[in-house]
C-alpha atoms as a PDB file:
ATOM      1  CA  MET A   1      22.681  14.105  46.082  1.00  0.00           C
ATOM      2  CA  PHE A   2      19.388  13.453  44.319  1.00  0.00           C
ATOM      3  CA  ALA A   3      19.168  11.983  40.793  1.00  0.00           C
ATOM      4  CA  LEU A   4      16.934  13.325  38.767  1.00  0.00           C
ATOM      5  CA  LYS A   5      14.606  11.285  36.705  1.00  0.00           C
ATOM      6  CA  ARG A   6      14.842  11.940  33.087  1.00  0.00           C
ATOM      7  CA  ALA A   7      12.106  10.966  31.059  1.00  0.00           C
ATOM      8  CA  PRO A   8      11.585   7.364  29.477  1.00  0.00           C
ATOM      9  CA  GLN A   9      13.342   7.156  26.305  1.00  0.00           C
ATOM     10  CA  TYR A  10      10.941   5.948  23.311  1.00  0.00           C
ATOM     11  CA  GLN A  11      13.463   5.075  20.396  1.00  0.00           C
ATOM     12  CA  SER A  12      13.441   1.684  21.092  1.00  0.00           C
ATOM     13  CA  GLN A  13      10.011   1.758  20.714  1.00  0.00           C
ATOM     14  CA  THR A  14      10.126   3.979  16.850  1.00  0.00           C
ATOM     15  CA  CYS A  15      13.693   1.896  15.977  1.00  0.00           C
ATOM     16  CA  GLY A  16      11.717  -0.590  13.354  1.00  0.00           C
ATOM     17  CA  GLU A  17       8.251   1.416  12.201  1.00  0.00           C
ATOM     18  CA  GLY A  18      10.101   2.908   9.676  1.00  0.00           C
ATOM     19  CA  ARG A  19      11.311  -0.574   8.205  1.00  0.00           C
ATOM     20  CA  THR A  20       7.846  -2.312   8.777  1.00  0.00           C
ATOM     21  CA  VAL A  21       5.955   1.106   6.945  1.00  0.00           C
ATOM     22  CA  PHE A  22       8.455   0.547   3.944  1.00  0.00           C
ATOM     23  CA  VAL A  23       7.874  -3.206   3.830  1.00  0.00           C
ATOM     24  CA  ALA A  24       4.347  -3.019   3.535  1.00  0.00           C
ATOM     25  CA  ILE A  25       3.575  -0.342   1.228  1.00  0.00           C
ATOM     26  CA  PHE A  26       6.705  -1.850  -0.858  1.00  0.00           C
ATOM     27  CA  ALA A  27       4.878  -5.742  -0.174  1.00  0.00           C
ATOM     28  CA  ARG A  28       1.631  -4.057  -1.764  1.00  0.00           C
ATOM     29  CA  MET A  29       2.205  -1.945  -4.485  1.00  0.00           C
ATOM     30  CA  VAL A  30       5.162  -3.083  -5.630  1.00  0.00           C
ATOM     31  CA  VAL A  31       5.697  -6.477  -5.547  1.00  0.00           C
ATOM     32  CA  VAL A  32       1.850  -7.102  -6.086  1.00  0.00           C
ATOM     33  CA  PRO A  33       1.713  -5.475  -9.157  1.00  0.00           C
ATOM     34  CA  ALA A  34       4.725  -5.951 -10.559  1.00  0.00           C
ATOM     35  CA  VAL A  35       3.257  -9.638  -9.674  1.00  0.00           C
ATOM     36  CA  MET A  36       0.003  -9.781 -11.144  1.00  0.00           C
ATOM     37  CA  LEU A  37       0.378  -6.865 -13.675  1.00  0.00           C
ATOM     38  CA  PRO A  38       1.869  -9.056 -16.161  1.00  0.00           C
ATOM     39  CA  VAL A  39      -1.123 -11.296 -15.242  1.00  0.00           C
ATOM     40  CA  MET A  40      -3.582  -9.225 -16.325  1.00  0.00           C
ATOM     41  CA  ALA A  41      -1.413  -8.128 -19.325  1.00  0.00           C
ATOM     42  CA  ILE A  42      -1.195 -11.943 -20.610  1.00  0.00           C
ATOM     43  CA  LEU A  43      -5.476 -12.270 -20.400  1.00  0.00           C
ATOM     44  CA  ALA A  44      -6.153  -8.478 -21.993  1.00  0.00           C
ATOM     45  CA  LYS A  45      -4.327  -9.708 -24.438  1.00  0.00           C
ATOM     46  CA  PHE A  46      -5.475 -13.170 -25.474  1.00  0.00           C
ATOM     47  CA  ASP A  47      -8.599 -12.440 -24.664  1.00  0.00           C
ATOM     48  CA  PHE A  48      -9.199 -14.984 -21.886  1.00  0.00           C
ATOM     49  CA  HIS A  49     -12.704 -13.827 -21.144  1.00  0.00           C
ATOM     50  CA  ASP A  50     -14.725 -11.674 -22.567  1.00  0.00           C
ATOM     51  CA  VAL A  51     -14.432  -9.282 -19.725  1.00  0.00           C
ATOM     52  CA  PHE A  52     -11.254  -8.399 -20.934  1.00  0.00           C
ATOM     53  CA  GLU A  53     -12.508  -6.671 -23.361  1.00  0.00           C
ATOM     54  CA  ASP A  54     -13.915  -4.330 -21.363  1.00  0.00           C
ATOM     55  CA  PRO A  55     -11.643  -0.881 -20.611  1.00  0.00           C
ATOM     56  CA  VAL A  56     -13.075  -0.288 -17.478  1.00  0.00           C
ATOM     57  CA  PHE A  57     -12.988  -3.914 -16.327  1.00  0.00           C
ATOM     58  CA  VAL A  58      -8.922  -4.016 -17.006  1.00  0.00           C
ATOM     59  CA  VAL A  59      -8.443  -0.317 -15.713  1.00  0.00           C
ATOM     60  CA  ALA A  60     -10.578  -0.803 -12.050  1.00  0.00           C
ATOM     61  CA  ASN A  61      -8.712  -4.445 -11.455  1.00  0.00           C
ATOM     62  CA  VAL A  62      -5.171  -2.594 -12.199  1.00  0.00           C
ATOM     63  CA  LEU A  63      -6.483  -0.014  -9.920  1.00  0.00           C
ATOM     64  CA  LEU A  64      -7.421  -3.190  -7.409  1.00  0.00           C
ATOM     65  CA  ILE A  65      -4.374  -4.533  -7.943  1.00  0.00           C
ATOM     66  CA  ALA A  66      -1.993  -1.448  -6.730  1.00  0.00           C
ATOM     67  CA  SER A  67      -3.789  -0.149  -4.437  1.00  0.00           C
ATOM     68  CA  PRO A  68      -2.588   0.630  -0.792  1.00  0.00           C
ATOM     69  CA  PRO A  69      -2.593  -1.230   1.922  1.00  0.00           C
ATOM     70  CA  ALA A  70      -5.842  -1.983   3.470  1.00  0.00           C
ATOM     71  CA  LEU A  71      -6.904  -1.128   7.447  1.00  0.00           C
ATOM     72  CA  THR A  72      -9.513  -2.306   8.552  1.00  0.00           C
ATOM     73  CA  LEU A  73     -11.216  -0.154  11.670  1.00  0.00           C
ATOM     74  CA  ALA A  74     -10.114  -3.015  13.716  1.00  0.00           C
ATOM     75  CA  GLN A  75      -6.549  -2.244  13.208  1.00  0.00           C
ATOM     76  CA  ILE A  76      -6.372   1.280  13.699  1.00  0.00           C
ATOM     77  CA  THR A  77      -8.485   0.983  16.866  1.00  0.00           C
ATOM     78  CA  GLN A  78      -6.465  -1.820  18.359  1.00  0.00           C
ATOM     79  CA  ALA A  79      -5.305  -0.252  21.409  1.00  0.00           C
ATOM     80  CA  ALA A  80      -1.405  -0.988  22.170  1.00  0.00           C
ATOM     81  CA  SER A  81       1.102  -0.294  25.203  1.00  0.00           C
ATOM     82  CA  ASN A  82       2.008   3.674  24.721  1.00  0.00           C
ATOM     83  CA  ASN A  83       0.432   4.413  21.408  1.00  0.00           C
ATOM     84  CA  SER A  84       2.958   2.625  19.039  1.00  0.00           C
ATOM     85  CA  PHE A  85       0.170   0.644  17.349  1.00  0.00           C
ATOM     86  CA  GLU A  86      -1.718   3.123  16.567  1.00  0.00           C
ATOM     87  CA  ARG A  87       1.714   5.401  15.673  1.00  0.00           C
ATOM     88  CA  LEU A  88       2.721   2.361  13.175  1.00  0.00           C
ATOM     89  CA  ILE A  89      -1.039   2.925  11.398  1.00  0.00           C
ATOM     90  CA  SER A  90      -0.597   6.446  10.391  1.00  0.00           C
ATOM     91  CA  ARG A  91       2.569   6.848   9.617  1.00  0.00           C
ATOM     92  CA  THR A  92       1.859   3.499   6.946  1.00  0.00           C
ATOM     93  CA  VAL A  93      -1.583   5.812   6.007  1.00  0.00           C
ATOM     94  CA  PHE A  94       0.137   8.854   5.781  1.00  0.00           C
ATOM     95  CA  TRP A  95       2.602   7.764   3.017  1.00  0.00           C
ATOM     96  CA  SER A  96       0.906   4.842   1.798  1.00  0.00           C
ATOM     97  CA  TYR A  97      -1.906   7.227   1.013  1.00  0.00           C
ATOM     98  CA  CYS A  98      -0.892  10.983   1.037  1.00  0.00           C
ATOM     99  CA  VAL A  99       2.923   9.907  -0.780  1.00  0.00           C
ATOM    100  CA  VAL A 100       2.999   6.750  -2.888  1.00  0.00           C
ATOM    101  CA  THR A 101      -0.708   6.836  -4.217  1.00  0.00           C
ATOM    102  CA  PRO A 102      -1.041   9.934  -5.652  1.00  0.00           C
ATOM    103  CA  PRO A 103       1.899   9.103  -8.699  1.00  0.00           C
ATOM    104  CA  SER A 104       1.426   5.128  -8.344  1.00  0.00           C
ATOM    105  CA  THR A 105      -1.855   5.866  -9.281  1.00  0.00           C
ATOM    106  CA  ILE A 106      -1.023   7.628 -12.355  1.00  0.00           C
ATOM    107  CA  LEU A 107       1.480   5.203 -13.353  1.00  0.00           C
ATOM    108  CA  VAL A 108      -1.168   2.467 -13.269  1.00  0.00           C
ATOM    109  CA  VAL A 109      -3.780   3.800 -14.767  1.00  0.00           C
ATOM    110  CA  VAL A 110      -1.398   4.679 -17.701  1.00  0.00           C
ATOM    111  CA  LEU A 111      -0.481   1.050 -18.148  1.00  0.00           C
ATOM    112  CA  GLY A 112      -4.061   0.016 -17.554  1.00  0.00           C
ATOM    113  CA  LEU A 113      -5.125   1.715 -20.326  1.00  0.00           C
ATOM    114  CA  LEU A 114      -1.995   0.335 -22.468  1.00  0.00           C
ATOM    115  CA  ILE A 115      -3.107  -2.965 -21.316  1.00  0.00           C
ATOM    116  CA  ALA A 116      -7.024  -2.414 -22.707  1.00  0.00           C
ATOM    117  CA  LYS A 117      -5.317  -0.852 -25.635  1.00  0.00           C
ATOM    118  CA  LEU A 118      -6.894   2.477 -25.368  1.00  0.00           C
END
């Protein structure tokens, strides 16, 4: 007789989150280093400036190039409907900082040391 009300479905809100997180991390931690690290290597190889002789400068720049996506406090604290934005930011932070950053940092530091000729 009485129709039971179902709990609201949240699948439509989380449908594209995985793809969004993947694209954000891929763009910032794979595409940008793939474009900028060769430029950095060329500048260091041909001693474009005296500062490229400093291995600490080279490694620090390589780490900055391959760093995880920056998330501002305004983005993290912005309120959205049904907490979907907060969930997206927290997933991006988890995957980029906890899963992808440790191995990519080791790889990038080794590349930076190779570029700096150490």
